[in-house]
């Protein structure tokens, strides 16, 4: 199981995470560019399309 960093991964790496598609990967990177690095995985909930349930599914495969 690969752990992907939400602060450094390009969209091509983010889409390798089960549950993250091309559009969501793009939104994560766009948010990161606009707002700086994520301070916690919970900050992903600020990205359109990611709520508490989605974050719970993604969390095991993500790091900061």
PDB file of N, CA and C in Angstrom:
ATOM      1  N   UNK A   1       0.854  -1.191   0.000  1.00  0.00           N
ATOM      2  CA  UNK A   1       0.000   0.000   0.000  1.00  0.00           C
ATOM      3  C   UNK A   1       0.892   1.244   0.000  1.00  0.00           C
ATOM      4  N   UNK A   2       0.648   2.099  -0.967  1.00  0.00           N
ATOM      5  CA  UNK A   2       1.470   3.293  -1.099  1.00  0.00           C
ATOM      6  C   UNK A   2       0.847   4.458  -0.326  1.00  0.00           C
ATOM      7  N   UNK A   3       1.680   5.173   0.417  1.00  0.00           N
ATOM      8  CA  UNK A   3       1.238   6.363   1.130  1.00  0.00           C
ATOM      9  C   UNK A   3       1.641   7.575   0.286  1.00  0.00           C
ATOM     10  N   UNK A   4       0.660   8.438  -0.007  1.00  0.00           N
ATOM     11  CA  UNK A   4       0.902   9.585  -0.868  1.00  0.00           C
ATOM     12  C   UNK A   4       0.833  10.866  -0.038  1.00  0.00           C
ATOM     13  N   UNK A   5       1.791  11.752  -0.233  1.00  0.00           N
ATOM     14  CA  UNK A   5       1.816  13.031   0.480  1.00  0.00           C
ATOM     15  C   UNK A   5       0.922  14.044  -0.219  1.00  0.00           C
ATOM     16  N   UNK A   6      -0.065  14.568   0.513  1.00  0.00           N
ATOM     17  CA  UNK A   6      -0.972  15.548  -0.093  1.00  0.00           C
ATOM     18  C   UNK A   6      -0.295  16.900  -0.302  1.00  0.00           C
ATOM     19  N   UNK A   7       0.871  17.106   0.317  1.00  0.00           N
ATOM     20  CA  UNK A   7       1.563  18.387   0.161  1.00  0.00           C
ATOM     21  C   UNK A   7       2.596  18.398  -0.953  1.00  0.00           C
ATOM     22  N   UNK A   8       3.004  17.223  -1.424  1.00  0.00           N
ATOM     23  CA  UNK A   8       4.045  17.209  -2.458  1.00  0.00           C
ATOM     24  C   UNK A   8       3.636  16.451  -3.715  1.00  0.00           C
ATOM     25  N   UNK A   9       2.638  15.582  -3.622  1.00  0.00           N
ATOM     26  CA  UNK A   9       2.285  14.731  -4.764  1.00  0.00           C
ATOM     27  C   UNK A   9       1.662  15.523  -5.906  1.00  0.00           C
ATOM     28  N   UNK A  10       2.119  15.262  -7.137  1.00  0.00           N
ATOM     29  CA  UNK A  10       1.448  15.848  -8.311  1.00  0.00           C
ATOM     30  C   UNK A  10       0.136  15.093  -8.561  1.00  0.00           C
ATOM     31  N   UNK A  11      -0.708  15.648  -9.417  1.00  0.00           N
ATOM     32  CA  UNK A  11      -1.996  14.999  -9.703  1.00  0.00           C
ATOM     33  C   UNK A  11      -1.807  13.556 -10.166  1.00  0.00           C
ATOM     34  N   UNK A  12      -0.749  13.304 -10.934  1.00  0.00           N
ATOM     35  CA  UNK A  12      -0.523  11.950 -11.454  1.00  0.00           C
ATOM     36  C   UNK A  12      -0.317  10.930 -10.340  1.00  0.00           C
ATOM     37  N   UNK A  13       0.225  11.377  -9.200  1.00  0.00           N
ATOM     38  CA  UNK A  13       0.427  10.477  -8.069  1.00  0.00           C
ATOM     39  C   UNK A  13      -0.834  10.412  -7.200  1.00  0.00           C
ATOM     40  N   UNK A  14      -1.541  11.532  -7.066  1.00  0.00           N
ATOM     41  CA  UNK A  14      -2.762  11.553  -6.257  1.00  0.00           C
ATOM     42  C   UNK A  14      -3.819  10.601  -6.817  1.00  0.00           C
ATOM     43  N   UNK A  15      -3.915  10.494  -8.132  1.00  0.00           N
ATOM     44  CA  UNK A  15      -4.936   9.618  -8.726  1.00  0.00           C
ATOM     45  C   UNK A  15      -4.653   8.136  -8.493  1.00  0.00           C
ATOM     46  N   UNK A  16      -3.456   7.795  -8.001  1.00  0.00           N
ATOM     47  CA  UNK A  16      -3.169   6.392  -7.698  1.00  0.00           C
ATOM     48  C   UNK A  16      -3.839   5.957  -6.394  1.00  0.00           C
ATOM     49  N   UNK A  17      -4.351   6.925  -5.627  1.00  0.00           N
ATOM     50  CA  UNK A  17      -5.047   6.622  -4.372  1.00  0.00           C
ATOM     51  C   UNK A  17      -6.490   6.253  -4.692  1.00  0.00           C
ATOM     52  N   UNK A  18      -6.916   5.088  -4.186  1.00  0.00           N
ATOM     53  CA  UNK A  18      -8.296   4.647  -4.411  1.00  0.00           C
ATOM     54  C   UNK A  18      -9.254   5.689  -3.839  1.00  0.00           C
ATOM     55  N   UNK A  19     -10.166   6.171  -4.680  1.00  0.00           N
ATOM     56  CA  UNK A  19     -11.127   7.173  -4.229  1.00  0.00           C
ATOM     57  C   UNK A  19     -10.808   8.582  -4.704  1.00  0.00           C
ATOM     58  N   UNK A  20      -9.614   8.772  -5.270  1.00  0.00           N
ATOM     59  CA  UNK A  20      -9.268  10.086  -5.829  1.00  0.00           C
ATOM     60  C   UNK A  20      -9.194   9.967  -7.341  1.00  0.00           C
ATOM     61  N   UNK A  21     -10.076  10.686  -8.000  1.00  0.00           N
ATOM     62  CA  UNK A  21     -10.087  10.710  -9.461  1.00  0.00           C
ATOM     63  C   UNK A  21      -9.340  11.934  -9.963  1.00  0.00           C
ATOM     64  N   UNK A  22      -9.246  12.058 -11.296  1.00  0.00           N
ATOM     65  CA  UNK A  22      -8.506  13.187 -11.880  1.00  0.00           C
ATOM     66  C   UNK A  22      -9.018  14.556 -11.420  1.00  0.00           C
ATOM     67  N   UNK A  23     -10.341  14.730 -11.346  1.00  0.00           N
ATOM     68  CA  UNK A  23     -10.893  16.036 -10.961  1.00  0.00           C
ATOM     69  C   UNK A  23     -10.580  16.356  -9.507  1.00  0.00           C
ATOM     70  N   UNK A  24     -10.728  15.373  -8.630  1.00  0.00           N
ATOM     71  CA  UNK A  24     -10.444  15.609  -7.218  1.00  0.00           C
ATOM     72  C   UNK A  24      -8.955  15.883  -7.020  1.00  0.00           C
ATOM     73  N   UNK A  25      -8.108  15.154  -7.721  1.00  0.00           N
ATOM     74  CA  UNK A  25      -6.660  15.371  -7.632  1.00  0.00           C
ATOM     75  C   UNK A  25      -6.318  16.802  -8.048  1.00  0.00           C
ATOM     76  N   UNK A  26      -6.960  17.252  -9.114  1.00  0.00           N
ATOM     77  CA  UNK A  26      -6.747  18.611  -9.619  1.00  0.00           C
ATOM     78  C   UNK A  26      -7.170  19.642  -8.570  1.00  0.00           C
ATOM     79  N   UNK A  27      -8.303  19.391  -7.912  1.00  0.00           N
ATOM     80  CA  UNK A  27      -8.798  20.325  -6.877  1.00  0.00           C
ATOM     81  C   UNK A  27      -7.867  20.360  -5.668  1.00  0.00           C
ATOM     82  N   UNK A  28      -7.300  19.212  -5.305  1.00  0.00           N
ATOM     83  CA  UNK A  28      -6.364  19.161  -4.178  1.00  0.00           C
ATOM     84  C   UNK A  28      -5.126  20.002  -4.496  1.00  0.00           C
ATOM     85  N   UNK A  29      -4.577  19.819  -5.686  1.00  0.00           N
ATOM     86  CA  UNK A  29      -3.371  20.565  -6.079  1.00  0.00           C
ATOM     87  C   UNK A  29      -3.689  22.058  -6.193  1.00  0.00           C
ATOM     88  N   UNK A  30      -4.832  22.396  -6.765  1.00  0.00           N
ATOM     89  CA  UNK A  30      -5.236  23.793  -6.910  1.00  0.00           C
ATOM     90  C   UNK A  30      -5.386  24.459  -5.548  1.00  0.00           C
ATOM     91  N   UNK A  31      -6.014  23.745  -4.612  1.00  0.00           N
ATOM     92  CA  UNK A  31      -6.180  24.270  -3.254  1.00  0.00           C
ATOM     93  C   UNK A  31      -4.810  24.514  -2.607  1.00  0.00           C
ATOM     94  N   UNK A  32      -3.913  23.555  -2.787  1.00  0.00           N
ATOM     95  CA  UNK A  32      -2.564  23.634  -2.204  1.00  0.00           C
ATOM     96  C   UNK A  32      -1.802  24.838  -2.765  1.00  0.00           C
ATOM     97  N   UNK A  33      -1.929  25.080  -4.057  1.00  0.00           N
ATOM     98  CA  UNK A  33      -1.252  26.219  -4.687  1.00  0.00           C
ATOM     99  C   UNK A  33      -1.824  27.535  -4.154  1.00  0.00           C
ATOM    100  N   UNK A  34      -3.136  27.595  -4.019  1.00  0.00           N
ATOM    101  CA  UNK A  34      -3.802  28.826  -3.576  1.00  0.00           C
ATOM    102  C   UNK A  34      -3.612  29.107  -2.085  1.00  0.00           C
ATOM    103  N   UNK A  35      -3.562  28.058  -1.263  1.00  0.00           N
ATOM    104  CA  UNK A  35      -3.591  28.239   0.185  1.00  0.00           C
ATOM    105  C   UNK A  35      -2.336  27.779   0.919  1.00  0.00           C
ATOM    106  N   UNK A  36      -1.376  27.248   0.189  1.00  0.00           N
ATOM    107  CA  UNK A  36      -0.174  26.747   0.841  1.00  0.00           C
ATOM    108  C   UNK A  36      -0.387  25.305   1.292  1.00  0.00           C
ATOM    109  N   UNK A  37       0.622  24.722   1.928  1.00  0.00           N
ATOM    110  CA  UNK A  37       0.532  23.306   2.301  1.00  0.00           C
ATOM    111  C   UNK A  37      -0.599  23.020   3.291  1.00  0.00           C
ATOM    112  N   UNK A  38      -1.115  21.822   3.210  1.00  0.00           N
ATOM    113  CA  UNK A  38      -2.124  21.378   4.174  1.00  0.00           C
ATOM    114  C   UNK A  38      -1.440  21.212   5.525  1.00  0.00           C
ATOM    115  N   UNK A  39      -2.094  21.677   6.595  1.00  0.00           N
ATOM    116  CA  UNK A  39      -1.512  21.552   7.928  1.00  0.00           C
ATOM    117  C   UNK A  39      -1.908  20.233   8.578  1.00  0.00           C
ATOM    118  N   UNK A  40      -3.053  19.700   8.169  1.00  0.00           N
ATOM    119  CA  UNK A  40      -3.494  18.400   8.678  1.00  0.00           C
ATOM    120  C   UNK A  40      -4.333  17.730   7.602  1.00  0.00           C
ATOM    121  N   UNK A  41      -4.518  16.426   7.719  1.00  0.00           N
ATOM    122  CA  UNK A  41      -5.354  15.722   6.740  1.00  0.00           C
ATOM    123  C   UNK A  41      -6.784  16.243   6.801  1.00  0.00           C
ATOM    124  N   UNK A  42      -7.221  16.703   7.975  1.00  0.00           N
ATOM    125  CA  UNK A  42      -8.573  17.243   8.125  1.00  0.00           C
ATOM    126  C   UNK A  42      -8.800  18.440   7.203  1.00  0.00           C
ATOM    127  N   UNK A  43      -7.734  19.173   6.876  1.00  0.00           N
ATOM    128  CA  UNK A  43      -7.857  20.315   5.962  1.00  0.00           C
ATOM    129  C   UNK A  43      -8.352  19.909   4.580  1.00  0.00           C
ATOM    130  N   UNK A  44      -8.211  18.632   4.243  1.00  0.00           N
ATOM    131  CA  UNK A  44      -8.711  18.160   2.944  1.00  0.00           C
ATOM    132  C   UNK A  44     -10.215  18.376   2.821  1.00  0.00           C
ATOM    133  N   UNK A  45     -10.917  18.455   3.948  1.00  0.00           N
ATOM    134  CA  UNK A  45     -12.362  18.685   3.914  1.00  0.00           C
ATOM    135  C   UNK A  45     -12.707  20.056   3.338  1.00  0.00           C
ATOM    136  N   UNK A  46     -11.729  20.945   3.245  1.00  0.00           N
ATOM    137  CA  UNK A  46     -11.956  22.265   2.644  1.00  0.00           C
ATOM    138  C   UNK A  46     -11.972  22.177   1.118  1.00  0.00           C
ATOM    139  N   UNK A  47     -11.540  21.036   0.574  1.00  0.00           N
ATOM    140  CA  UNK A  47     -11.521  20.830  -0.879  1.00  0.00           C
ATOM    141  C   UNK A  47     -12.904  20.337  -1.309  1.00  0.00           C
ATOM    142  N   UNK A  48     -13.449  20.974  -2.340  1.00  0.00           N
ATOM    143  CA  UNK A  48     -14.775  20.603  -2.831  1.00  0.00           C
ATOM    144  C   UNK A  48     -14.832  19.105  -3.162  1.00  0.00           C
ATOM    145  N   UNK A  49     -15.850  18.439  -2.654  1.00  0.00           N
ATOM    146  CA  UNK A  49     -16.030  17.021  -2.943  1.00  0.00           C
ATOM    147  C   UNK A  49     -15.474  16.086  -1.881  1.00  0.00           C
ATOM    148  N   UNK A  50     -14.783  16.641  -0.889  1.00  0.00           N
ATOM    149  CA  UNK A  50     -14.241  15.800   0.187  1.00  0.00           C
ATOM    150  C   UNK A  50     -14.915  16.175   1.502  1.00  0.00           C
ATOM    151  N   UNK A  51     -15.685  15.235   2.018  1.00  0.00           N
ATOM    152  CA  UNK A  51     -16.332  15.426   3.308  1.00  0.00           C
ATOM    153  C   UNK A  51     -15.763  14.435   4.300  1.00  0.00           C
ATOM    154  N   UNK A  52     -16.336  14.393   5.502  1.00  0.00           N
ATOM    155  CA  UNK A  52     -15.814  13.492   6.539  1.00  0.00           C
ATOM    156  C   UNK A  52     -15.776  12.022   6.118  1.00  0.00           C
ATOM    157  N   UNK A  53     -16.808  11.538   5.422  1.00  0.00           N
ATOM    158  CA  UNK A  53     -16.837  10.119   5.018  1.00  0.00           C
ATOM    159  C   UNK A  53     -15.755   9.821   3.991  1.00  0.00           C
ATOM    160  N   UNK A  54     -15.619  10.698   3.003  1.00  0.00           N
ATOM    161  CA  UNK A  54     -14.594  10.507   1.973  1.00  0.00           C
ATOM    162  C   UNK A  54     -13.208  10.566   2.603  1.00  0.00           C
ATOM    163  N   UNK A  55     -13.004  11.539   3.491  1.00  0.00           N
ATOM    164  CA  UNK A  55     -11.707  11.668   4.148  1.00  0.00           C
ATOM    165  C   UNK A  55     -11.367  10.409   4.940  1.00  0.00           C
ATOM    166  N   UNK A  56     -12.353   9.846   5.612  1.00  0.00           N
ATOM    167  CA  UNK A  56     -12.120   8.622   6.404  1.00  0.00           C
ATOM    168  C   UNK A  56     -11.626   7.484   5.512  1.00  0.00           C
ATOM    169  N   UNK A  57     -12.170   7.391   4.287  1.00  0.00           N
ATOM    170  CA  UNK A  57     -11.749   6.339   3.352  1.00  0.00           C
ATOM    171  C   UNK A  57     -10.349   6.605   2.807  1.00  0.00           C
ATOM    172  N   UNK A  58     -10.030   7.886   2.568  1.00  0.00           N
ATOM    173  CA  UNK A  58      -8.739   8.246   1.977  1.00  0.00           C
ATOM    174  C   UNK A  58      -7.592   8.241   2.991  1.00  0.00           C
ATOM    175  N   UNK A  59      -7.897   8.569   4.230  1.00  0.00           N
ATOM    176  CA  UNK A  59      -6.884   8.806   5.274  1.00  0.00           C
ATOM    177  C   UNK A  59      -5.776   7.736   5.361  1.00  0.00           C
ATOM    178  N   UNK A  60      -6.090   6.412   5.285  1.00  0.00           N
ATOM    179  CA  UNK A  60      -5.016   5.408   5.432  1.00  0.00           C
ATOM    180  C   UNK A  60      -3.945   5.498   4.351  1.00  0.00           C
ATOM    181  N   UNK A  61      -4.265   6.099   3.192  1.00  0.00           N
ATOM    182  CA  UNK A  61      -3.326   6.156   2.072  1.00  0.00           C
ATOM    183  C   UNK A  61      -2.653   7.516   1.907  1.00  0.00           C
ATOM    184  N   UNK A  62      -2.921   8.438   2.853  1.00  0.00           N
ATOM    185  CA  UNK A  62      -2.392   9.797   2.698  1.00  0.00           C
ATOM    186  C   UNK A  62      -1.518  10.188   3.874  1.00  0.00           C
ATOM    187  N   UNK A  63      -0.582  11.081   3.589  1.00  0.00           N
ATOM    188  CA  UNK A  63       0.224  11.700   4.638  1.00  0.00           C
ATOM    189  C   UNK A  63       0.370  13.178   4.279  1.00  0.00           C
ATOM    190  N   UNK A  64       0.972  13.938   5.182  1.00  0.00           N
ATOM    191  CA  UNK A  64       1.184  15.369   4.900  1.00  0.00           C
ATOM    192  C   UNK A  64       2.436  15.576   4.073  1.00  0.00           C
TER     193      UNK A  64
END
